[in-house]
N, C-alpha and C. Protein backbone atom coordinates (compact mmCIF):
# COMPACT_ATOMS: atom_id res chain seq x y z
N UNK A 1 -0.72 -118.86 16.30
CA UNK A 1 -0.22 -117.87 17.72
C UNK A 1 0.97 -116.99 16.79
N UNK A 2 0.65 -115.77 17.47
CA UNK A 2 1.90 -114.97 16.77
C UNK A 2 3.08 -115.31 17.15
N UNK A 3 4.42 -115.06 16.30
CA UNK A 3 5.61 -115.40 16.86
C UNK A 3 5.66 -114.18 17.49
N UNK A 4 6.99 -114.49 18.45
CA UNK A 4 7.42 -113.61 19.23
C UNK A 4 8.21 -112.02 18.80
N UNK A 5 8.79 -112.40 17.31
CA UNK A 5 9.07 -110.96 16.79
C UNK A 5 8.08 -109.99 16.50
N UNK A 6 6.66 -110.73 15.99
CA UNK A 6 5.42 -110.10 15.39
C UNK A 6 4.74 -109.11 17.16
N UNK A 7 4.78 -109.81 18.11
CA UNK A 7 4.92 -109.28 19.59
C UNK A 7 5.39 -107.92 20.25
N UNK A 8 6.67 -108.36 19.62
CA UNK A 8 7.87 -107.18 20.01
C UNK A 8 7.61 -106.30 19.12
N UNK A 9 7.53 -106.30 17.78
CA UNK A 9 6.90 -104.73 16.77
C UNK A 9 5.44 -104.30 17.17
N UNK A 10 4.68 -105.02 17.76
CA UNK A 10 3.08 -104.92 17.92
C UNK A 10 3.54 -103.78 19.41
N UNK A 11 4.19 -104.32 19.93
CA UNK A 11 4.35 -103.48 21.38
C UNK A 11 5.92 -102.57 21.06
N UNK A 12 6.36 -102.52 19.83
CA UNK A 12 7.67 -101.47 20.12
C UNK A 12 7.29 -100.22 20.89
N UNK A 13 8.76 -99.65 21.55
CA UNK A 13 8.49 -98.56 22.29
C UNK A 13 8.92 -97.31 21.21
N UNK A 14 7.70 -96.36 21.87
CA UNK A 14 7.98 -95.31 21.10
C UNK A 14 8.04 -94.11 21.44
N UNK A 15 9.12 -93.44 21.51
CA UNK A 15 9.81 -92.23 22.33
C UNK A 15 10.02 -91.16 21.51
N UNK A 16 10.90 -90.10 21.98
CA UNK A 16 11.03 -89.14 21.27
C UNK A 16 12.72 -89.29 20.76
N UNK A 17 12.90 -88.82 19.82
CA UNK A 17 13.95 -89.09 19.06
C UNK A 17 15.20 -88.59 19.72
N UNK A 18 16.23 -89.24 20.35
CA UNK A 18 17.56 -89.32 20.69
C UNK A 18 19.05 -89.20 20.09
N UNK A 19 20.10 -88.23 20.26
CA UNK A 19 21.34 -87.92 19.53
C UNK A 19 21.46 -89.18 19.08
N UNK A 20 21.40 -90.15 20.08
CA UNK A 20 22.49 -91.68 20.10
C UNK A 20 21.71 -92.48 19.03
N UNK A 21 20.33 -92.17 18.44
CA UNK A 21 19.49 -92.50 17.25
C UNK A 21 20.17 -92.15 15.87
N UNK A 22 21.01 -91.21 15.81
CA UNK A 22 20.89 -90.76 14.53
C UNK A 22 21.41 -91.91 13.53
N UNK A 23 22.86 -92.60 13.95
CA UNK A 23 23.02 -93.04 12.94
C UNK A 23 22.50 -94.76 12.28
N UNK A 24 21.74 -95.17 13.23
CA UNK A 24 20.85 -96.34 12.89
C UNK A 24 19.97 -95.54 11.99
N UNK A 25 19.39 -94.04 12.78
CA UNK A 25 18.08 -93.55 11.37
C UNK A 25 18.45 -93.40 10.16
N UNK A 26 19.82 -92.86 10.04
CA UNK A 26 20.35 -92.40 8.91
C UNK A 26 20.76 -93.58 7.73
N UNK A 27 21.03 -94.78 8.17
CA UNK A 27 21.15 -96.04 7.88
C UNK A 27 20.31 -96.40 6.74
N UNK A 28 19.12 -95.80 8.20
CA UNK A 28 17.76 -96.67 7.47
C UNK A 28 17.45 -95.72 6.56
N UNK A 29 17.16 -94.58 6.24
CA UNK A 29 17.09 -93.58 5.29
C UNK A 29 17.69 -94.11 4.26
N UNK A 30 19.19 -94.45 4.33
CA UNK A 30 19.81 -95.03 3.28
C UNK A 30 19.30 -96.19 2.17
N UNK A 31 18.98 -97.18 3.13
CA UNK A 31 18.30 -98.56 3.30
C UNK A 31 17.03 -98.33 2.37
N UNK A 32 16.51 -96.93 2.57
CA UNK A 32 14.95 -96.90 1.98
C UNK A 32 15.10 -96.10 0.19
N UNK A 33 15.89 -95.10 0.69
CA UNK A 33 15.95 -94.29 -0.44
C UNK A 33 17.30 -94.02 -1.34
N UNK A 34 18.30 -94.38 -0.35
CA UNK A 34 19.51 -94.38 -1.57
C UNK A 34 20.18 -95.73 -1.61
N UNK A 35 19.63 -96.90 -1.85
CA UNK A 35 20.33 -97.93 -1.88
C UNK A 35 20.67 -97.70 -3.30
N UNK A 36 20.56 -97.75 -4.35
CA UNK A 36 21.02 -97.81 -5.56
C UNK A 36 22.27 -97.34 -5.80
N UNK A 37 22.91 -96.58 -4.37
CA UNK A 37 24.11 -96.15 -4.73
C UNK A 37 25.10 -97.10 -3.98
N UNK A 38 26.64 -96.32 -4.37
CA UNK A 38 27.73 -97.11 -3.68
C UNK A 38 26.99 -97.00 -2.12
N UNK A 39 27.58 -97.89 -0.98
CA UNK A 39 27.78 -97.71 0.34
C UNK A 39 27.83 -96.29 0.83
N UNK A 40 29.33 -95.48 0.19
CA UNK A 40 29.77 -94.41 1.09
C UNK A 40 28.88 -93.39 0.41
N UNK A 41 28.46 -93.33 -0.67
CA UNK A 41 27.57 -92.09 -1.51
C UNK A 41 26.36 -92.24 -0.97
N UNK A 42 25.67 -93.63 -0.77
CA UNK A 42 24.04 -93.39 -0.56
C UNK A 42 24.32 -93.00 1.17
N UNK A 43 25.54 -92.92 1.97
CA UNK A 43 25.50 -92.64 3.45
C UNK A 43 25.50 -91.15 3.74
N UNK A 44 26.14 -90.84 2.47
CA UNK A 44 26.70 -89.31 2.68
C UNK A 44 25.04 -88.19 2.10
N UNK A 45 24.49 -89.41 0.92
CA UNK A 45 23.03 -88.79 0.65
C UNK A 45 22.32 -88.48 1.64
N UNK A 46 22.31 -89.86 2.69
CA UNK A 46 21.16 -90.00 3.57
C UNK A 46 21.27 -88.90 4.68
N UNK A 47 22.37 -88.72 4.80
CA UNK A 47 22.99 -87.77 6.06
C UNK A 47 22.42 -86.58 5.73
N UNK A 48 22.94 -86.00 4.35
CA UNK A 48 22.52 -84.87 4.04
C UNK A 48 20.69 -84.85 3.87
N UNK A 49 20.09 -85.82 3.52
CA UNK A 49 18.69 -85.46 3.72
C UNK A 49 17.84 -85.65 4.96
N UNK A 50 18.81 -86.35 6.12
CA UNK A 50 18.64 -86.18 7.16
C UNK A 50 18.50 -84.92 7.87
N UNK A 51 19.77 -84.65 7.67
CA UNK A 51 19.86 -82.94 7.98
C UNK A 51 18.63 -82.13 7.93
N UNK A 52 18.85 -81.89 5.85
CA UNK A 52 17.81 -81.18 5.82
C UNK A 52 16.88 -81.55 6.45
N UNK A 53 15.83 -82.62 6.76
CA UNK A 53 14.76 -82.88 7.64
C UNK A 53 14.82 -82.41 9.11
N UNK A 54 15.47 -82.60 9.59
CA UNK A 54 15.85 -82.10 11.00
C UNK A 54 16.09 -80.46 11.23
N UNK A 55 16.23 -80.20 10.06
CA UNK A 55 16.44 -78.40 9.90
C UNK A 55 15.12 -77.48 9.83
N UNK A 56 14.00 -78.46 9.63
CA UNK A 56 12.64 -78.00 9.69
C UNK A 56 11.55 -79.11 10.63
N UNK A 57 12.22 -80.01 11.24
CA UNK A 57 11.18 -80.62 12.51
C UNK A 57 11.58 -79.93 13.70
N UNK A 58 10.09 -79.90 14.44
CA UNK A 58 10.28 -79.41 15.80
C UNK A 58 9.52 -80.83 16.64
N UNK A 59 9.24 -81.91 16.25
CA UNK A 59 8.91 -82.76 16.93
C UNK A 59 8.79 -83.94 16.29
N UNK A 60 9.59 -85.18 16.85
CA UNK A 60 10.35 -86.47 16.35
C UNK A 60 10.30 -87.54 17.56
N UNK A 61 9.63 -88.39 16.64
CA UNK A 61 9.62 -90.11 17.33
C UNK A 61 10.14 -91.24 16.76
N UNK A 62 10.91 -92.14 17.64
CA UNK A 62 11.36 -93.17 17.38
C UNK A 62 10.73 -94.59 17.68
N UNK A 63 10.87 -95.46 17.31
CA UNK A 63 10.17 -97.10 17.48
C UNK A 63 11.45 -97.91 17.92
N UNK A 64 11.39 -98.33 19.01
CA UNK A 64 12.45 -99.15 19.67
C UNK A 64 12.11 -100.69 19.59
N UNK A 65 12.96 -101.45 19.02
CA UNK A 65 13.13 -103.03 19.33
C UNK A 65 14.25 -103.67 19.77
N UNK A 66 14.47 -104.47 21.06
CA UNK A 66 15.52 -104.20 21.38
C UNK A 66 16.72 -103.26 21.70
N UNK A 67 16.34 -102.33 21.92
CA UNK A 67 17.25 -101.49 21.91
C UNK A 67 17.67 -100.52 20.47
N UNK A 68 16.99 -100.86 19.47
CA UNK A 68 17.35 -100.31 18.25
C UNK A 68 16.10 -99.86 17.47
N UNK A 69 16.58 -98.24 16.95
CA UNK A 69 15.77 -97.88 16.40
C UNK A 69 15.03 -98.62 15.07
N UNK A 70 14.04 -98.56 14.87
CA UNK A 70 13.48 -99.69 13.60
C UNK A 70 12.48 -98.66 13.24
N UNK A 71 12.17 -97.53 13.61
CA UNK A 71 11.34 -96.67 12.55
C UNK A 71 11.36 -95.23 13.13
N UNK A 72 10.91 -94.08 12.01
CA UNK A 72 10.65 -92.70 12.49
C UNK A 72 9.84 -91.76 12.15
N UNK A 73 9.21 -91.26 12.58
CA UNK A 73 8.65 -89.84 12.23
C UNK A 73 8.98 -88.49 12.93
N UNK A 74 8.98 -87.82 11.51
CA UNK A 74 9.57 -86.32 12.08
C UNK A 74 8.70 -85.15 11.76
N UNK A 75 8.09 -84.40 12.54
CA UNK A 75 6.82 -83.56 12.17
C UNK A 75 7.16 -82.03 12.34
N UNK A 76 6.79 -81.32 11.92
CA UNK A 76 6.68 -79.87 12.13
C UNK A 76 5.22 -79.14 12.48
N UNK A 77 5.37 -78.50 13.21
CA UNK A 77 4.51 -77.12 13.92
C UNK A 77 5.03 -76.12 14.03
N UNK A 78 4.34 -75.18 12.84
CA UNK A 78 5.54 -73.70 13.05
C UNK A 78 5.05 -72.97 14.02
N UNK A 79 4.52 -73.31 15.06
CA UNK A 79 4.29 -72.34 15.96
C UNK A 79 5.12 -72.79 17.13
N UNK A 80 6.13 -73.56 17.09
CA UNK A 80 6.67 -74.33 17.79
C UNK A 80 8.21 -74.34 17.17
N UNK A 81 8.47 -73.46 16.21
CA UNK A 81 9.88 -73.24 15.89
C UNK A 81 10.61 -72.12 16.57
N UNK A 82 11.61 -72.34 16.90
CA UNK A 82 12.43 -71.26 17.55
C UNK A 82 13.54 -70.81 17.16
N UNK A 83 13.95 -71.52 15.90
CA UNK A 83 15.31 -71.00 15.30
C UNK A 83 15.06 -70.60 13.79
N UNK A 84 16.56 -70.11 13.47
CA UNK A 84 16.34 -69.70 12.60
C UNK A 84 16.49 -70.53 10.70
N UNK A 85 15.83 -69.85 10.15
CA UNK A 85 16.38 -70.80 8.82
C UNK A 85 17.60 -71.71 8.58
N UNK A 86 18.52 -70.84 9.10
CA UNK A 86 20.29 -71.24 9.03
C UNK A 86 20.97 -71.77 9.79
N UNK A 87 19.85 -72.51 10.33
CA UNK A 87 20.18 -73.83 11.99
C UNK A 87 21.32 -74.51 11.90
N UNK A 88 22.02 -74.74 13.23
CA UNK A 88 22.94 -76.14 12.45
C UNK A 88 22.61 -76.89 11.74
N UNK A 89 21.55 -77.64 11.41
CA UNK A 89 20.98 -78.48 10.62
C UNK A 89 21.08 -78.48 9.10
N UNK A 90 20.78 -77.25 9.00
CA UNK A 90 20.69 -76.62 7.48
C UNK A 90 22.01 -76.17 7.25
N UNK A 91 22.92 -76.09 7.98
CA UNK A 91 24.43 -75.82 7.65
C UNK A 91 25.16 -76.44 7.73
N UNK A 92 24.82 -77.89 8.32
CA UNK A 92 25.19 -79.51 8.11
C UNK A 92 24.66 -79.93 6.38
N UNK A 93 23.84 -79.68 6.49
CA UNK A 93 23.24 -80.10 5.23
C UNK A 93 23.64 -79.67 3.96
N UNK A 94 24.29 -78.22 3.67
CA UNK A 94 24.89 -77.72 2.86
C UNK A 94 25.90 -78.36 3.04
N UNK A 95 26.90 -78.45 4.21
CA UNK A 95 28.02 -79.00 3.56
C UNK A 95 28.37 -80.59 3.24
N UNK A 96 27.28 -81.31 3.71
CA UNK A 96 27.23 -82.49 3.20
C UNK A 96 26.77 -82.62 1.19
N UNK A 97 25.74 -81.79 1.11
CA UNK A 97 25.83 -81.25 -0.42
C UNK A 97 26.98 -81.50 -1.17
N UNK A 98 27.63 -80.59 -0.48
CA UNK A 98 29.12 -80.27 -1.04
C UNK A 98 30.30 -81.09 -1.43
N UNK A 99 29.70 -82.02 -0.14
CA UNK A 99 30.96 -82.97 -0.52
C UNK A 99 30.36 -83.98 -1.29
N UNK A 100 29.16 -84.02 -1.56
CA UNK A 100 28.63 -85.12 -2.54
C UNK A 100 29.19 -84.53 -3.78
N UNK A 101 29.04 -82.97 -4.24
CA UNK A 101 29.48 -82.64 -5.64
C UNK A 101 30.73 -83.00 -5.83
N UNK A 102 31.59 -83.88 -5.21
CA UNK A 102 33.18 -84.20 -5.50
C UNK A 102 33.18 -84.64 -6.22
N UNK A 103 32.22 -86.09 -6.78
CA UNK A 103 32.31 -87.47 -7.84
C UNK A 103 31.00 -87.39 -8.26
N UNK A 104 31.38 -87.78 -9.41
CA UNK A 104 29.97 -88.12 -10.56
C UNK A 104 28.80 -88.53 -9.87
N UNK A 105 29.18 -89.77 -9.51
CA UNK A 105 28.30 -90.66 -8.32
C UNK A 105 27.29 -89.59 -7.22
N UNK A 106 28.31 -88.80 -6.48
CA UNK A 106 27.93 -87.89 -5.66
C UNK A 106 27.06 -86.90 -6.22
N UNK A 107 27.53 -86.41 -7.42
CA UNK A 107 26.78 -85.44 -8.08
C UNK A 107 25.61 -85.66 -8.47
N UNK A 108 25.43 -87.43 -8.57
CA UNK A 108 23.88 -87.99 -8.91
C UNK A 108 22.90 -87.63 -7.98
N UNK A 109 23.46 -88.15 -6.66
CA UNK A 109 22.75 -88.22 -5.72
C UNK A 109 22.16 -86.44 -4.98
N UNK A 110 23.42 -85.68 -5.28
CA UNK A 110 22.87 -84.53 -4.97
C UNK A 110 21.96 -83.55 -5.68
N UNK A 111 21.94 -84.16 -7.11
CA UNK A 111 20.78 -83.58 -8.13
C UNK A 111 19.59 -84.20 -7.70
N UNK A 112 19.58 -85.69 -7.47
CA UNK A 112 18.16 -86.36 -6.63
C UNK A 112 17.53 -85.78 -5.72
N UNK A 113 18.71 -85.35 -4.65
CA UNK A 113 18.00 -84.52 -3.46
C UNK A 113 17.25 -83.12 -3.94
N UNK A 114 18.47 -82.58 -4.44
CA UNK A 114 17.53 -81.00 -4.86
C UNK A 114 16.83 -81.28 -5.83
N UNK A 115 16.67 -82.18 -6.92
CA UNK A 115 15.60 -82.22 -7.58
C UNK A 115 13.83 -82.25 -6.66
N UNK A 116 14.08 -83.48 -5.61
CA UNK A 116 12.88 -83.53 -5.07
C UNK A 116 12.60 -82.46 -4.41
N UNK A 117 13.54 -81.57 -3.47
CA UNK A 117 13.18 -80.54 -2.91
C UNK A 117 12.79 -79.53 -3.57
N UNK A 118 12.84 -79.31 -5.08
CA UNK A 118 12.33 -78.82 -5.58
C UNK A 118 11.06 -78.70 -6.56
N UNK A 119 10.32 -80.77 -6.51
CA UNK A 119 9.34 -80.82 -6.45
C UNK A 119 8.22 -80.21 -5.49
N UNK A 120 9.07 -80.49 -4.46
CA UNK A 120 8.49 -80.35 -2.91
C UNK A 120 7.73 -79.02 -3.36
N UNK A 121 8.72 -77.81 -3.29
CA UNK A 121 8.21 -76.58 -3.48
C UNK A 121 7.23 -76.28 -4.71
N UNK A 122 7.24 -76.77 -5.51
CA UNK A 122 6.74 -76.76 -6.59
C UNK A 122 4.93 -77.15 -6.20
N UNK A 123 5.03 -78.14 -5.57
CA UNK A 123 4.05 -78.91 -5.23
C UNK A 123 2.94 -77.87 -3.95
N UNK A 124 3.57 -77.64 -3.50
CA UNK A 124 3.73 -77.00 -2.08
C UNK A 124 3.16 -75.41 -2.57
N UNK A 125 3.05 -74.81 -3.63
CA UNK A 125 2.85 -73.46 -4.50
C UNK A 125 1.64 -74.00 -5.05
N UNK A 126 1.89 -74.88 -5.76
CA UNK A 126 0.21 -75.18 -6.67
C UNK A 126 -1.28 -75.68 -5.38
N UNK A 127 -0.53 -76.26 -4.59
CA UNK A 127 -1.44 -75.92 -3.08
C UNK A 127 -1.51 -75.01 -2.52
N UNK A 128 -1.19 -73.70 -2.40
CA UNK A 128 -0.99 -72.87 -1.56
C UNK A 128 -2.07 -71.64 -2.39
N UNK A 129 -2.31 -72.08 -3.98
CA UNK A 129 -2.43 -71.46 -5.00
C UNK A 129 -4.19 -71.87 -4.97
N UNK A 130 -4.15 -72.94 -4.44
CA UNK A 130 -5.55 -73.14 -4.53
C UNK A 130 -6.31 -73.46 -3.35
N UNK A 131 -5.66 -72.63 -2.67
CA UNK A 131 -6.33 -71.89 -1.19
C UNK A 131 -5.98 -73.01 -0.13
N UNK A 132 -5.27 -73.74 -0.01
CA UNK A 132 -4.33 -74.83 0.86
C UNK A 132 -3.44 -74.68 1.13
N UNK A 133 -3.11 -74.06 2.74
CA UNK A 133 -2.15 -73.36 3.72
C UNK A 133 -2.24 -74.48 4.67
N UNK A 134 -1.08 -74.59 5.04
CA UNK A 134 -0.94 -75.66 6.63
C UNK A 134 0.25 -74.74 7.39
N UNK A 135 0.05 -75.08 8.42
CA UNK A 135 0.82 -74.91 9.96
C UNK A 135 1.47 -75.98 10.33
N UNK A 136 1.06 -77.22 9.83
CA UNK A 136 1.93 -78.56 10.56
C UNK A 136 2.02 -79.02 9.07
N UNK A 137 3.38 -80.12 9.58
CA UNK A 137 3.21 -81.17 8.18
C UNK A 137 4.11 -82.41 9.41
N UNK A 138 4.05 -83.84 8.13
CA UNK A 138 4.67 -84.54 8.73
C UNK A 138 6.25 -84.66 7.88
N UNK A 139 7.20 -84.24 8.16
CA UNK A 139 8.61 -84.00 7.58
C UNK A 139 8.96 -85.27 7.07
N UNK A 140 9.05 -86.53 7.71
CA UNK A 140 9.84 -87.78 7.29
C UNK A 140 8.90 -89.13 8.20
N UNK A 141 8.96 -90.13 7.08
CA UNK A 141 8.30 -91.06 8.14
C UNK A 141 8.74 -92.32 7.57
N UNK A 142 9.61 -93.08 7.91
CA UNK A 142 9.33 -94.03 7.63
C UNK A 142 10.06 -95.79 8.72
N UNK A 143 9.89 -96.63 7.72
CA UNK A 143 9.65 -98.02 9.01
C UNK A 143 10.92 -98.84 7.90
N UNK A 144 11.54 -99.90 8.95
CA UNK A 144 12.67 -100.79 8.37
C UNK A 144 11.60 -101.85 7.89
N UNK A 145 12.16 -102.50 7.12
CA UNK A 145 11.12 -103.69 6.19
C UNK A 145 10.42 -104.58 7.16
N UNK A 146 11.44 -104.99 8.28
CA UNK A 146 10.61 -106.05 9.11
C UNK A 146 10.10 -105.51 9.86
N UNK A 147 9.80 -104.14 10.22
CA UNK A 147 8.78 -103.16 10.86
C UNK A 147 7.72 -103.06 10.42
N UNK A 148 7.28 -103.57 9.16
CA UNK A 148 6.18 -102.98 8.38
C UNK A 148 5.19 -104.22 8.62
N UNK A 149 3.79 -103.62 8.59
CA UNK A 149 2.88 -104.83 8.70
C UNK A 149 2.31 -105.26 10.23
N UNK A 150 2.81 -105.02 11.28
CA UNK A 150 2.60 -105.07 12.57
C UNK A 150 1.84 -103.97 13.43
N UNK A 151 1.21 -102.75 12.54
CA UNK A 151 0.55 -101.93 13.25
C UNK A 151 1.46 -100.53 13.61
N UNK A 152 2.87 -100.72 13.52
CA UNK A 152 3.78 -99.93 14.24
C UNK A 152 3.44 -98.26 13.33
N UNK A 153 3.70 -98.30 12.34
CA UNK A 153 2.77 -97.47 11.74
C UNK A 153 2.20 -96.12 11.65
N UNK A 154 0.59 -97.17 11.51
CA UNK A 154 -0.37 -96.42 12.15
C UNK A 154 -0.59 -95.76 14.08
N UNK A 155 0.47 -96.54 14.99
CA UNK A 155 0.95 -96.09 15.90
C UNK A 155 1.77 -94.76 16.14
N UNK A 156 2.57 -94.56 15.24
CA UNK A 156 3.72 -94.10 15.14
C UNK A 156 2.91 -92.17 14.37
N UNK A 157 2.26 -92.77 13.49
CA UNK A 157 1.37 -91.63 12.85
C UNK A 157 0.40 -90.96 13.78
N UNK A 158 -0.56 -92.05 14.72
CA UNK A 158 -1.55 -91.20 15.52
C UNK A 158 -0.34 -90.57 16.54
N UNK A 159 0.66 -90.79 17.01
CA UNK A 159 1.77 -89.95 17.61
C UNK A 159 1.72 -88.58 17.59
N UNK A 160 2.08 -88.87 16.34
CA UNK A 160 2.40 -87.20 15.70
C UNK A 160 1.16 -86.51 15.67
N UNK A 161 -0.30 -87.31 15.16
CA UNK A 161 -1.31 -86.21 15.18
C UNK A 161 -1.56 -86.37 16.07
N UNK A 162 -1.24 -86.73 17.40
CA UNK A 162 -2.08 -86.33 18.55
C UNK A 162 -1.01 -84.75 18.88
N UNK A 163 0.13 -84.52 18.64
CA UNK A 163 1.33 -83.59 19.00
C UNK A 163 0.45 -82.67 18.10
N UNK A 164 -0.13 -82.71 17.08
CA UNK A 164 -0.54 -81.38 16.20
C UNK A 164 -2.37 -81.08 17.06
N UNK A 165 -2.56 -82.29 17.52
CA UNK A 165 -4.18 -81.42 18.15
C UNK A 165 -3.79 -80.78 18.99
N UNK A 166 -2.80 -81.22 20.31
CA UNK A 166 -2.28 -80.97 21.34
C UNK A 166 -1.87 -79.14 20.96
N UNK A 167 -1.17 -78.88 19.74
CA UNK A 167 -0.82 -77.79 19.58
C UNK A 167 -1.67 -76.84 18.94
N UNK A 168 -2.85 -77.05 18.72
CA UNK A 168 -4.22 -76.52 18.04
C UNK A 168 -4.34 -76.19 16.73
N UNK A 169 -4.07 -77.85 15.93
CA UNK A 169 -3.70 -77.96 14.24
C UNK A 169 -4.99 -78.54 14.47
N UNK A 170 -5.55 -78.31 13.09
CA UNK A 170 -6.83 -78.66 12.86
C UNK A 170 -6.30 -79.60 11.13
N UNK A 171 -5.32 -79.13 10.60
CA UNK A 171 -4.88 -79.88 8.91
C UNK A 171 -3.34 -80.02 9.07
N UNK A 172 -2.64 -80.97 8.57
CA UNK A 172 -1.56 -80.59 7.87
C UNK A 172 -1.16 -81.69 7.00
N UNK A 173 0.25 -81.22 6.11
CA UNK A 173 0.51 -82.03 5.05
C UNK A 173 1.42 -82.99 4.87
N UNK A 174 1.66 -83.69 3.84
CA UNK A 174 3.22 -83.99 3.99
C UNK A 174 3.36 -84.59 2.16
N UNK A 175 4.72 -84.63 1.94
CA UNK A 175 4.73 -84.79 0.41
C UNK A 175 5.34 -86.54 0.43
N UNK A 176 5.04 -86.86 -0.86
CA UNK A 176 5.42 -88.29 -0.85
C UNK A 176 5.26 -88.92 -2.33
N UNK A 177 5.50 -89.96 -2.70
CA UNK A 177 5.94 -90.14 -4.10
C UNK A 177 5.58 -91.47 -4.39
N UNK A 178 5.76 -92.02 -5.68
CA UNK A 178 5.31 -93.84 -5.86
C UNK A 178 6.19 -94.54 -5.31
N UNK A 179 7.31 -94.33 -4.93
CA UNK A 179 8.58 -95.10 -4.13
C UNK A 179 8.23 -95.53 -2.65
N UNK A 180 7.28 -94.67 -2.79
CA UNK A 180 6.61 -94.88 -0.94
C UNK A 180 5.21 -95.55 -0.98
N UNK A 181 4.49 -95.81 0.12
CA UNK A 181 3.02 -96.93 0.49
C UNK A 181 2.42 -95.74 0.49
N UNK A 182 1.88 -94.76 -0.80
CA UNK A 182 0.85 -94.11 -0.70
C UNK A 182 -0.35 -94.44 -0.42
N UNK A 183 -0.82 -95.74 -0.39
CA UNK A 183 -2.00 -96.44 -0.23
C UNK A 183 -1.79 -96.33 1.47
N UNK A 184 -1.06 -96.00 2.22
CA UNK A 184 -1.28 -96.15 3.77
C UNK A 184 -2.02 -94.76 3.96
N UNK A 185 -1.45 -93.88 2.99
CA UNK A 185 -2.04 -92.15 3.29
C UNK A 185 -3.54 -91.99 2.95
N UNK A 186 -3.91 -92.86 1.57
CA UNK A 186 -5.50 -92.57 1.18
C UNK A 186 -5.86 -93.61 2.34
N UNK A 187 -5.37 -94.64 2.81
CA UNK A 187 -6.05 -95.39 4.03
C UNK A 187 -6.90 -94.89 5.08
N UNK A 188 -5.85 -94.23 5.69
CA UNK A 188 -6.07 -93.04 6.61
C UNK A 188 -6.53 -91.97 6.45
N UNK A 189 -7.42 -91.97 4.93
CA UNK A 189 -8.07 -90.85 5.11
C UNK A 189 -7.47 -89.73 4.70
N UNK A 190 -6.49 -89.19 4.28
CA UNK A 190 -5.71 -87.95 3.60
C UNK A 190 -6.18 -87.64 2.00
N UNK A 191 -6.11 -86.63 1.49
CA UNK A 191 -6.48 -86.12 0.39
C UNK A 191 -5.51 -85.78 -0.40
N UNK A 192 -5.34 -86.59 -1.61
CA UNK A 192 -4.40 -85.61 -2.45
C UNK A 192 -5.03 -84.39 -3.17
N UNK A 193 -3.74 -83.38 -3.11
CA UNK A 193 -4.16 -81.92 -3.09
C UNK A 193 -3.23 -81.93 -4.73
N UNK A 194 -2.03 -82.22 -4.56
CA UNK A 194 -1.54 -81.80 -5.76
C UNK A 194 -0.58 -82.79 -6.22
N UNK A 195 -0.40 -82.99 -7.38
CA UNK A 195 0.77 -84.05 -7.54
C UNK A 195 1.58 -83.79 -9.16
N UNK A 196 2.46 -84.12 -9.35
CA UNK A 196 3.65 -83.95 -10.59
C UNK A 196 3.79 -85.32 -10.96
N UNK A 197 3.84 -85.29 -12.26
CA UNK A 197 4.56 -86.85 -12.81
C UNK A 197 5.63 -86.59 -13.91
N UNK A 198 6.54 -87.45 -13.57
CA UNK A 198 8.31 -87.31 -14.54
C UNK A 198 8.09 -88.54 -15.08
N UNK A 199 8.69 -88.55 -16.11
CA UNK A 199 8.68 -89.44 -17.20
C UNK A 199 10.63 -90.30 -16.95
N UNK A 200 10.52 -91.39 -16.74
CA UNK A 200 12.06 -91.88 -16.79
C UNK A 200 13.44 -91.01 -17.26
N UNK A 201 14.11 -91.28 -16.17
CA UNK A 201 15.40 -90.32 -16.81
C UNK A 201 16.70 -90.96 -16.20
N UNK A 202 17.98 -90.20 -16.19
CA UNK A 202 18.95 -91.24 -15.86
C UNK A 202 18.91 -90.89 -14.30
N UNK A 203 18.21 -89.97 -13.63
CA UNK A 203 18.16 -90.03 -12.13
C UNK A 203 17.50 -90.72 -11.49
N UNK A 204 16.42 -91.47 -12.24
CA UNK A 204 15.47 -92.43 -11.40
C UNK A 204 14.68 -93.30 -12.48
N UNK A 205 14.75 -94.54 -12.39
CA UNK A 205 14.24 -95.27 -13.18
C UNK A 205 13.19 -95.79 -13.16
N UNK A 206 12.33 -95.40 -14.56
CA UNK A 206 10.77 -95.73 -14.35
C UNK A 206 10.19 -94.16 -14.01
N UNK A 207 9.19 -94.03 -14.99
CA UNK A 207 8.14 -92.88 -14.37
C UNK A 207 7.69 -93.33 -12.75
N UNK A 208 8.04 -91.23 -12.33
CA UNK A 208 7.54 -91.15 -11.19
C UNK A 208 6.56 -90.38 -10.75
N UNK A 209 5.70 -90.29 -9.90
CA UNK A 209 4.95 -89.45 -9.19
C UNK A 209 4.99 -88.63 -8.28
N UNK A 210 4.72 -87.74 -7.84
CA UNK A 210 5.19 -86.94 -6.68
C UNK A 210 3.85 -86.02 -6.18
N UNK A 211 3.39 -86.24 -4.93
CA UNK A 211 2.43 -85.94 -4.40
C UNK A 211 2.33 -84.94 -3.28
N UNK A 212 1.58 -84.54 -2.89
CA UNK A 212 1.06 -83.68 -1.99
C UNK A 212 -0.36 -84.00 -1.32
N UNK A 213 0.00 -84.76 0.00
CA UNK A 213 -1.89 -85.14 0.46
C UNK A 213 -1.84 -84.15 1.96
N UNK A 214 -3.01 -83.96 2.15
CA UNK A 214 -3.64 -83.06 3.29
C UNK A 214 -4.07 -84.49 4.31
N UNK A 215 -4.39 -84.02 5.22
CA UNK A 215 -4.72 -85.15 6.24
C UNK A 215 -5.67 -83.69 7.31
N UNK A 216 -6.61 -84.34 7.98
CA UNK A 216 -7.36 -83.62 9.00
C UNK A 216 -6.93 -84.40 10.11
N UNK A 217 -6.73 -83.56 11.52
CA UNK A 217 -6.14 -83.89 12.63
C UNK A 217 -7.78 -84.12 13.42
N UNK A 218 -7.62 -85.54 13.88
CA UNK A 218 -8.72 -86.15 14.57
C UNK A 218 -8.54 -85.25 15.62
N UNK A 219 -9.98 -84.20 16.69
CA UNK A 219 -10.56 -83.68 17.27
C UNK A 219 -10.35 -84.48 18.99
N UNK A 220 -10.32 -85.72 19.20
CA UNK A 220 -9.81 -86.53 20.20
C UNK A 220 -9.22 -87.69 19.55
N UNK A 221 -8.46 -88.32 21.02
CA UNK A 221 -7.51 -89.85 20.66
C UNK A 221 -8.23 -90.86 20.11
């Protein structure tokens, strides 16, 4: 017999992102990618990362259990973007990045954020040079540890793919790395298009690989 918690996650409500969700989701980003920093710097870094993602997001969903956001997926469809590149989220990202640079630890966090963005640009450029261009992206995808393993990630991913399909998209891409569950994407049929390998450094423990994956949008639900 399934535990009540398992049932709750399997039947979690998936709905559009709301402003009141932001604090809990920023903390989820902190716990997922910035847990190695002090809580204050980790929260600043997570908020900067969050705002940078929202700056290019057109579609956003959260999964809610007992009124608490436990997972998120952000996506972009180029044809639905109505803002300019220097939108309010982009400006907040730059202010937060500047705030990080006031301490040594914050500078390390800022270097990590900017460095990953630079790697993403390199991956996108490599994909483009080999004939892979995109008009849809999965910008950010994260689940809290307790929400994993219940099929919720698949439900959220399919919700975003349904948005892509309804907008006439036939393919999409996403960035990921070895700190994430890369196997999820391979399991769902995505193809690795470009990769960059980095040796361990003072900015990350151990060797890391960064990837651009491409997926086909299903024609039907």
